[in-house]
Amino acid sequence: MPTATTAEAEKDNPHPPPGFLSRHRRTLTAALTATALAAAALLGYTLTRDNDAPPEQRPVPTAPVTYTVDGQGTAQITYIARSTTGAGTMIQEAALPWRKSVRVPLGQTPTISLILPDDGGQATCTLAIRGNLAQRATATGPHGRATCSANLPRHNRQPAAQ
């Protein structure tokens, strides 16, 4: 019976020769670790790549909100306008009557508050969302305060017609 050469025996036998794995274990472990790290880095880059753009560049869904303060004299007014965080804007001595239409990010709570000056008076704040009255409140007297706020759902659906 003819004997096979070493090259032919390696071709027919898919298993490594004895002692091969124990001699090259560190090399194989390092290669597998490097491959796993490269795959994890690529996955991390892919998952965060879309989040690299500043939030200002992504469209933020909003709804129209109208704030109104009726009265005489002045008042300190704070309201929420369009921003990705729904940050507030303050007007120290707004002349009354006062009105502002803004866009508020969905999921934020549109809010307007007023504080009357030392000499008091009376003023009423009104909050309308998509043209519908959401809340009304009245402040009276020196340093009188009133706040109007309402929920603005995260979806942009119009109310059903009745």
C-alpha atoms as a PDB file:
ATOM      1  CA  MET A   1       0.000   0.000   0.000  1.00  0.00           C
ATOM      2  CA  PRO A   2       1.439   3.341  -0.987  1.00  0.00           C
ATOM      3  CA  THR A   3       2.026   5.935   1.707  1.00  0.00           C
ATOM      4  CA  ALA A   4       0.722   9.469   1.302  1.00  0.00           C
ATOM      5  CA  THR A   5       3.072  12.384   1.370  1.00  0.00           C
ATOM      6  CA  THR A   6       2.755  14.972   4.143  1.00  0.00           C
ATOM      7  CA  ALA A   7       1.163  17.523   1.775  1.00  0.00           C
ATOM      8  CA  GLU A   8      -1.447  15.013   0.597  1.00  0.00           C
ATOM      9  CA  ALA A   9      -2.206  13.990   4.186  1.00  0.00           C
ATOM     10  CA  GLU A  10      -2.767  17.642   5.178  1.00  0.00           C
ATOM     11  CA  LYS A  11      -5.091  18.134   2.203  1.00  0.00           C
ATOM     12  CA  ASP A  12      -7.229  15.130   3.154  1.00  0.00           C
ATOM     13  CA  ASN A  13      -7.210  15.840   6.923  1.00  0.00           C
ATOM     14  CA  PRO A  14      -9.065  19.068   7.889  1.00  0.00           C
ATOM     15  CA  HIS A  15      -7.796  18.943  11.483  1.00  0.00           C
ATOM     16  CA  PRO A  16      -4.628  20.812  12.445  1.00  0.00           C
ATOM     17  CA  PRO A  17      -1.593  18.721  13.360  1.00  0.00           C
ATOM     18  CA  PRO A  18      -1.114  17.823  17.028  1.00  0.00           C
ATOM     19  CA  GLY A  19       0.235  20.692  19.119  1.00  0.00           C
ATOM     20  CA  PHE A  20      -0.659  23.358  16.497  1.00  0.00           C
ATOM     21  CA  LEU A  21      -3.414  25.019  18.582  1.00  0.00           C
ATOM     22  CA  SER A  22      -1.410  25.041  21.795  1.00  0.00           C
ATOM     23  CA  ARG A  23       1.566  26.680  20.002  1.00  0.00           C
ATOM     24  CA  HIS A  24      -0.555  29.369  18.312  1.00  0.00           C
ATOM     25  CA  ARG A  25      -3.237  29.977  20.958  1.00  0.00           C
ATOM     26  CA  ARG A  26      -1.990  33.502  21.846  1.00  0.00           C
ATOM     27  CA  THR A  27      -1.860  34.501  18.184  1.00  0.00           C
ATOM     28  CA  LEU A  28      -5.357  33.156  17.520  1.00  0.00           C
ATOM     29  CA  THR A  29      -6.743  34.808  20.660  1.00  0.00           C
ATOM     30  CA  ALA A  30      -5.204  38.159  19.696  1.00  0.00           C
ATOM     31  CA  ALA A  31      -6.560  37.875  16.141  1.00  0.00           C
ATOM     32  CA  LEU A  32     -10.069  37.018  17.374  1.00  0.00           C
ATOM     33  CA  THR A  33      -9.973  39.858  19.930  1.00  0.00           C
ATOM     34  CA  ALA A  34      -8.842  42.370  17.287  1.00  0.00           C
ATOM     35  CA  THR A  35     -11.597  41.193  14.929  1.00  0.00           C
ATOM     36  CA  ALA A  36     -14.240  41.507  17.668  1.00  0.00           C
ATOM     37  CA  LEU A  37     -13.023  44.998  18.628  1.00  0.00           C
ATOM     38  CA  ALA A  38     -13.058  46.129  14.992  1.00  0.00           C
ATOM     39  CA  ALA A  39     -16.607  44.783  14.548  1.00  0.00           C
ATOM     40  CA  ALA A  40     -17.766  46.522  17.745  1.00  0.00           C
ATOM     41  CA  ALA A  41     -16.183  49.812  16.651  1.00  0.00           C
ATOM     42  CA  LEU A  42     -17.842  49.571  13.234  1.00  0.00           C
ATOM     43  CA  LEU A  43     -21.211  48.814  14.839  1.00  0.00           C
ATOM     44  CA  GLY A  44     -20.800  51.720  17.262  1.00  0.00           C
ATOM     45  CA  TYR A  45     -19.925  54.074  14.419  1.00  0.00           C
ATOM     46  CA  THR A  46     -22.917  52.896  12.390  1.00  0.00           C
ATOM     47  CA  LEU A  47     -25.331  53.361  15.311  1.00  0.00           C
ATOM     48  CA  THR A  48     -24.086  56.843  16.234  1.00  0.00           C
ATOM     49  CA  ARG A  49     -23.362  58.164  12.755  1.00  0.00           C
ATOM     50  CA  ASP A  50     -26.937  59.472  12.302  1.00  0.00           C
ATOM     51  CA  ASN A  51     -26.804  61.138  15.732  1.00  0.00           C
ATOM     52  CA  ASP A  52     -23.710  63.200  14.882  1.00  0.00           C
ATOM     53  CA  ALA A  53     -25.814  65.964  13.294  1.00  0.00           C
ATOM     54  CA  PRO A  54     -26.715  68.761  15.718  1.00  0.00           C
ATOM     55  CA  PRO A  55     -30.383  68.657  16.811  1.00  0.00           C
ATOM     56  CA  GLU A  56     -30.974  72.042  15.121  1.00  0.00           C
ATOM     57  CA  GLN A  57     -30.506  70.386  11.715  1.00  0.00           C
ATOM     58  CA  ARG A  58     -33.203  67.785  12.270  1.00  0.00           C
ATOM     59  CA  PRO A  59     -36.792  68.927  11.826  1.00  0.00           C
ATOM     60  CA  VAL A  60     -38.638  69.196  15.113  1.00  0.00           C
ATOM     61  CA  PRO A  61     -42.413  68.661  14.820  1.00  0.00           C
ATOM     62  CA  THR A  62     -44.324  71.565  16.344  1.00  0.00           C
ATOM     63  CA  ALA A  63     -47.858  72.868  16.829  1.00  0.00           C
ATOM     64  CA  PRO A  64     -49.108  76.467  16.608  1.00  0.00           C
ATOM     65  CA  VAL A  65     -49.711  78.104  19.994  1.00  0.00           C
ATOM     66  CA  THR A  66     -51.063  81.606  20.664  1.00  0.00           C
ATOM     67  CA  TYR A  67     -50.401  83.360  23.960  1.00  0.00           C
ATOM     68  CA  THR A  68     -52.444  86.446  24.891  1.00  0.00           C
ATOM     69  CA  VAL A  69     -52.307  88.723  27.947  1.00  0.00           C
ATOM     70  CA  ASP A  70     -55.152  91.236  28.219  1.00  0.00           C
ATOM     71  CA  GLY A  71     -55.104  94.127  30.664  1.00  0.00           C
ATOM     72  CA  GLN A  72     -53.654  97.613  31.103  1.00  0.00           C
ATOM     73  CA  GLY A  73     -50.187  98.804  32.015  1.00  0.00           C
ATOM     74  CA  THR A  74     -47.307  96.320  31.984  1.00  0.00           C
ATOM     75  CA  ALA A  75     -46.532  92.818  33.189  1.00  0.00           C
ATOM     76  CA  GLN A  76     -43.579  90.462  33.315  1.00  0.00           C
ATOM     77  CA  ILE A  77     -44.398  87.658  30.844  1.00  0.00           C
ATOM     78  CA  THR A  78     -42.649  84.310  30.435  1.00  0.00           C
ATOM     79  CA  TYR A  79     -43.648  81.877  27.680  1.00  0.00           C
ATOM     80  CA  ILE A  80     -42.338  78.806  25.859  1.00  0.00           C
ATOM     81  CA  ALA A  81     -41.514  79.192  22.166  1.00  0.00           C
ATOM     82  CA  ARG A  82     -39.947  76.952  19.554  1.00  0.00           C
ATOM     83  CA  SER A  83     -36.707  75.271  20.479  1.00  0.00           C
ATOM     84  CA  THR A  84     -35.655  71.667  20.741  1.00  0.00           C
ATOM     85  CA  THR A  85     -35.811  71.939  24.528  1.00  0.00           C
ATOM     86  CA  GLY A  86     -38.903  74.117  24.758  1.00  0.00           C
ATOM     87  CA  ALA A  87     -36.903  76.829  26.537  1.00  0.00           C
ATOM     88  CA  GLY A  88     -38.726  79.819  27.978  1.00  0.00           C
ATOM     89  CA  THR A  89     -38.540  83.452  26.871  1.00  0.00           C
ATOM     90  CA  MET A  90     -39.019  86.297  29.365  1.00  0.00           C
ATOM     91  CA  ILE A  91     -40.196  89.840  28.659  1.00  0.00           C
ATOM     92  CA  GLN A  92     -39.623  92.094  31.689  1.00  0.00           C
ATOM     93  CA  GLU A  93     -42.069  94.959  31.071  1.00  0.00           C
ATOM     94  CA  ALA A  94     -44.431  93.942  28.284  1.00  0.00           C
ATOM     95  CA  ALA A  95     -46.995  96.582  27.363  1.00  0.00           C
ATOM     96  CA  LEU A  96     -50.540  95.221  27.669  1.00  0.00           C
ATOM     97  CA  PRO A  97     -52.516  94.022  25.798  1.00  0.00           C
ATOM     98  CA  TRP A  98     -49.900  91.588  24.446  1.00  0.00           C
ATOM     99  CA  ARG A  99     -50.146  88.699  21.972  1.00  0.00           C
ATOM    100  CA  LYS A 100     -47.619  86.208  20.570  1.00  0.00           C
ATOM    101  CA  SER A 101     -48.083  83.268  18.171  1.00  0.00           C
ATOM    102  CA  VAL A 102     -45.303  80.690  18.274  1.00  0.00           C
ATOM    103  CA  ARG A 103     -44.547  77.072  17.387  1.00  0.00           C
ATOM    104  CA  VAL A 104     -44.016  74.749  20.358  1.00  0.00           C
ATOM    105  CA  PRO A 105     -42.283  71.339  19.999  1.00  0.00           C
ATOM    106  CA  LEU A 106     -44.663  68.396  20.349  1.00  0.00           C
ATOM    107  CA  GLY A 107     -44.323  66.744  23.734  1.00  0.00           C
ATOM    108  CA  GLN A 108     -43.534  70.074  25.460  1.00  0.00           C
ATOM    109  CA  THR A 109     -46.076  71.820  27.672  1.00  0.00           C
ATOM    110  CA  PRO A 110     -46.993  75.246  26.282  1.00  0.00           C
ATOM    111  CA  THR A 111     -46.957  77.646  29.235  1.00  0.00           C
ATOM    112  CA  ILE A 112     -47.380  81.357  29.746  1.00  0.00           C
ATOM    113  CA  SER A 113     -47.110  83.092  33.084  1.00  0.00           C
ATOM    114  CA  LEU A 114     -47.452  86.700  34.083  1.00  0.00           C
ATOM    115  CA  ILE A 115     -46.517  88.758  37.127  1.00  0.00           C
ATOM    116  CA  LEU A 116     -48.057  92.157  37.698  1.00  0.00           C
ATOM    117  CA  PRO A 117     -45.885  95.098  38.837  1.00  0.00           C
ATOM    118  CA  ASP A 118     -45.793  96.753  42.285  1.00  0.00           C
ATOM    119  CA  ASP A 119     -48.782  98.960  41.475  1.00  0.00           C
ATOM    120  CA  GLY A 120     -50.915  95.870  40.750  1.00  0.00           C
ATOM    121  CA  GLY A 121     -53.864  95.921  38.423  1.00  0.00           C
ATOM    122  CA  GLN A 122     -55.540  93.047  36.655  1.00  0.00           C
ATOM    123  CA  ALA A 123     -54.478  90.955  33.653  1.00  0.00           C
ATOM    124  CA  THR A 124     -55.722  87.746  32.063  1.00  0.00           C
ATOM    125  CA  CYS A 125     -53.547  85.209  30.230  1.00  0.00           C
ATOM    126  CA  THR A 126     -55.028  82.996  27.527  1.00  0.00           C
ATOM    127  CA  LEU A 127     -53.471  79.955  25.851  1.00  0.00           C
ATOM    128  CA  ALA A 128     -54.791  78.602  22.534  1.00  0.00           C
ATOM    129  CA  ILE A 129     -53.434  75.484  20.789  1.00  0.00           C
ATOM    130  CA  ARG A 130     -54.180  75.080  17.071  1.00  0.00           C
ATOM    131  CA  GLY A 131     -56.717  77.896  17.453  1.00  0.00           C
ATOM    132  CA  ASN A 132     -58.634  76.206  20.297  1.00  0.00           C
ATOM    133  CA  LEU A 133     -58.808  77.774  23.763  1.00  0.00           C
ATOM    134  CA  ALA A 134     -56.822  75.569  26.152  1.00  0.00           C
ATOM    135  CA  GLN A 135     -56.740  77.661  29.349  1.00  0.00           C
ATOM    136  CA  ARG A 136     -57.426  81.130  30.787  1.00  0.00           C
ATOM    137  CA  ALA A 137     -56.325  82.601  34.153  1.00  0.00           C
ATOM    138  CA  THR A 138     -56.471  86.048  35.810  1.00  0.00           C
ATOM    139  CA  ALA A 139     -53.971  87.843  38.052  1.00  0.00           C
ATOM    140  CA  THR A 140     -54.962  90.756  40.342  1.00  0.00           C
ATOM    141  CA  GLY A 141     -53.251  93.115  42.768  1.00  0.00           C
ATOM    142  CA  PRO A 142     -49.616  93.980  43.425  1.00  0.00           C
ATOM    143  CA  HIS A 143     -47.338  91.162  42.206  1.00  0.00           C
ATOM    144  CA  GLY A 144     -50.417  89.183  41.146  1.00  0.00           C
ATOM    145  CA  ARG A 145     -49.567  86.013  39.248  1.00  0.00           C
ATOM    146  CA  ALA A 146     -51.337  83.843  36.706  1.00  0.00           C
ATOM    147  CA  THR A 147     -50.209  80.841  34.688  1.00  0.00           C
ATOM    148  CA  CYS A 148     -51.797  79.070  31.729  1.00  0.00           C
ATOM    149  CA  SER A 149     -50.501  75.719  30.503  1.00  0.00           C
ATOM    150  CA  ALA A 150     -51.833  72.720  28.607  1.00  0.00           C
ATOM    151  CA  ASN A 151     -50.694  69.322  27.389  1.00  0.00           C
ATOM    152  CA  LEU A 152     -49.341  69.174  23.849  1.00  0.00           C
ATOM    153  CA  PRO A 153     -49.264  65.505  22.802  1.00  0.00           C
ATOM    154  CA  ARG A 154     -46.252  64.101  20.956  1.00  0.00           C
ATOM    155  CA  HIS A 155     -48.371  63.519  17.822  1.00  0.00           C
ATOM    156  CA  ASN A 156     -49.491  66.260  15.449  1.00  0.00           C
ATOM    157  CA  ARG A 157     -53.116  65.197  14.889  1.00  0.00           C
ATOM    158  CA  GLN A 158     -55.823  67.766  14.482  1.00  0.00           C
ATOM    159  CA  PRO A 159     -58.892  67.356  16.719  1.00  0.00           C
ATOM    160  CA  ALA A 160     -61.839  65.594  15.091  1.00  0.00           C
ATOM    161  CA  ALA A 161     -64.455  67.901  13.572  1.00  0.00           C
ATOM    162  CA  GLN A 162     -67.782  67.870  15.386  1.00  0.00           C
END
